[in-house]
Amino acid sequence: MQRIKEDRKAVVCPIIDVIDDKTMEYYHGNGAFFQIGGFTWSGHFTWINIPQYEADRKKQHHLPTRSPTMAGGLFAMDRKYFWEVGSYDSDMQLWGGENLEMSFRVSHPN
């Protein structure tokens, strides 16, 4: 919440742990290595490694990491800013895609 207080246009996403769908093995984030959201040209969300330029920019692993996209529904942002960027698209009739659309709406260079 502090990041949003510092910058009302910040959109904050958690590191997401994984449970393997075949073995039920739990994979937790180790704080130093994790992936960020990306997308394929066919419009599907995917996980990608953090680019070296982003790792170099942030200097320390605990600082915020910029990500091109976010996983759906797992974010916090200023309520007024959410409405300013257009909220969720009420014309989207199917699941999957709202996270990419929202990611593109909120991108800013800060």
Protein backbone atom coordinates (compact mmCIF):
# COMPACT_ATOMS: atom_id res chain seq x y z
CA MET A 1 0.00 0.00 0.00
CA GLN A 2 2.95 2.31 0.62
CA ARG A 3 3.91 2.19 -3.07
CA ILE A 4 0.39 3.31 -4.03
CA LYS A 5 0.51 6.06 -1.42
CA GLU A 6 3.80 7.27 -2.93
CA ASP A 7 2.48 7.12 -6.52
CA ARG A 8 -1.28 6.94 -7.06
CA LYS A 9 -0.68 5.50 -10.54
CA ALA A 10 1.30 2.57 -9.18
CA VAL A 11 -0.27 -0.84 -9.70
CA VAL A 12 1.10 -3.38 -7.26
CA CYS A 13 1.12 -7.12 -7.92
CA PRO A 14 2.29 -9.92 -5.61
CA ILE A 15 4.81 -12.62 -6.35
CA ILE A 16 2.68 -15.67 -7.08
CA ASP A 17 3.63 -19.04 -5.68
CA VAL A 18 2.77 -22.11 -7.75
CA ILE A 19 1.21 -25.51 -7.01
CA ASP A 20 2.04 -28.04 -9.71
CA ASP A 21 -1.23 -29.28 -11.25
CA LYS A 22 0.14 -32.81 -11.73
CA THR A 23 2.14 -33.47 -8.55
CA MET A 24 0.58 -30.92 -6.17
CA GLU A 25 4.14 -29.85 -5.30
CA TYR A 26 4.31 -26.36 -3.85
CA TYR A 27 6.86 -23.97 -5.35
CA HIS A 28 7.35 -20.82 -3.34
CA GLY A 29 9.12 -17.64 -4.28
CA ASN A 30 12.58 -17.34 -2.83
CA GLY A 31 12.62 -13.55 -2.89
CA ALA A 32 15.59 -13.37 -5.25
CA PHE A 33 14.30 -15.20 -8.32
CA PHE A 34 10.85 -14.81 -9.78
CA GLN A 35 9.32 -14.12 -13.15
CA ILE A 36 7.20 -11.28 -14.44
CA GLY A 37 4.09 -11.26 -16.62
CA GLY A 38 4.42 -11.19 -20.36
CA PHE A 39 2.25 -12.07 -23.33
CA THR A 40 2.42 -13.92 -26.59
CA TRP A 41 1.52 -12.33 -29.91
CA SER A 42 -1.64 -14.43 -29.90
CA GLY A 43 -2.73 -12.50 -26.81
CA HIS A 44 -2.11 -15.08 -24.09
CA PHE A 45 -0.56 -14.29 -20.73
CA THR A 46 2.74 -16.01 -19.98
CA TRP A 47 5.55 -15.80 -17.44
CA ILE A 48 8.92 -14.44 -18.58
CA ASN A 49 12.31 -14.01 -16.96
CA ILE A 50 13.19 -10.52 -15.78
CA PRO A 51 15.20 -8.81 -18.55
CA GLN A 52 18.76 -7.93 -17.62
CA TYR A 53 18.11 -4.20 -18.16
CA GLU A 54 15.35 -4.34 -15.52
CA ALA A 55 17.56 -6.23 -13.05
CA ASP A 56 20.29 -3.62 -13.61
CA ARG A 57 17.82 -0.74 -13.18
CA LYS A 58 16.48 -1.80 -9.82
CA LYS A 59 19.88 -2.57 -8.21
CA GLN A 60 18.48 -4.55 -5.23
CA HIS A 61 16.11 -7.51 -5.46
CA HIS A 62 13.64 -6.13 -2.89
CA LEU A 63 12.90 -3.00 -4.94
CA PRO A 64 9.83 -2.90 -7.25
CA THR A 65 10.18 -4.75 -10.54
CA ARG A 66 8.52 -3.34 -13.65
CA SER A 67 6.41 -5.86 -15.51
CA PRO A 68 4.76 -5.54 -18.95
CA THR A 69 1.64 -7.35 -17.76
CA MET A 70 0.09 -8.73 -14.61
CA ALA A 71 -1.80 -11.88 -13.74
CA GLY A 72 -5.56 -11.31 -13.78
CA GLY A 73 -7.26 -10.02 -10.67
CA LEU A 74 -4.12 -9.99 -8.53
CA PHE A 75 -3.35 -6.35 -8.11
CA ALA A 76 -3.93 -3.33 -5.91
CA MET A 77 -4.34 0.21 -7.17
CA ASP A 78 -5.87 3.53 -6.21
CA ARG A 79 -9.66 3.28 -6.58
CA LYS A 80 -10.02 6.62 -8.37
CA TYR A 81 -7.20 5.75 -10.75
CA PHE A 82 -8.92 2.43 -11.55
CA TRP A 83 -12.00 4.37 -12.74
CA GLU A 84 -9.86 6.99 -14.52
CA VAL A 85 -8.22 4.33 -16.71
CA GLY A 86 -11.63 2.92 -17.64
CA SER A 87 -12.05 0.08 -15.09
CA TYR A 88 -12.79 -3.33 -16.58
CA ASP A 89 -14.26 -3.43 -20.07
CA SER A 90 -17.94 -4.27 -19.63
CA ASP A 91 -18.08 -5.62 -23.20
CA MET A 92 -15.61 -8.45 -22.47
CA GLN A 93 -17.84 -11.51 -22.43
CA LEU A 94 -15.26 -14.26 -21.84
CA TRP A 95 -12.70 -14.91 -19.13
CA GLY A 96 -9.07 -14.19 -19.90
CA GLY A 97 -7.74 -10.99 -21.30
CA GLU A 98 -8.82 -8.45 -18.71
CA ASN A 99 -5.40 -8.63 -17.10
CA LEU A 100 -3.65 -7.82 -20.38
CA GLU A 101 -6.08 -5.03 -21.18
CA MET A 102 -5.71 -3.49 -17.72
CA SER A 103 -1.92 -3.84 -17.96
CA PHE A 104 -1.90 -1.86 -21.21
CA ARG A 105 -4.21 0.79 -19.78
CA VAL A 106 -2.02 1.51 -16.76
CA SER A 107 1.43 1.43 -18.35
CA HIS A 108 3.39 4.54 -17.58
CA PRO A 109 7.11 5.32 -17.64
CA ASN A 110 7.60 6.13 -13.95
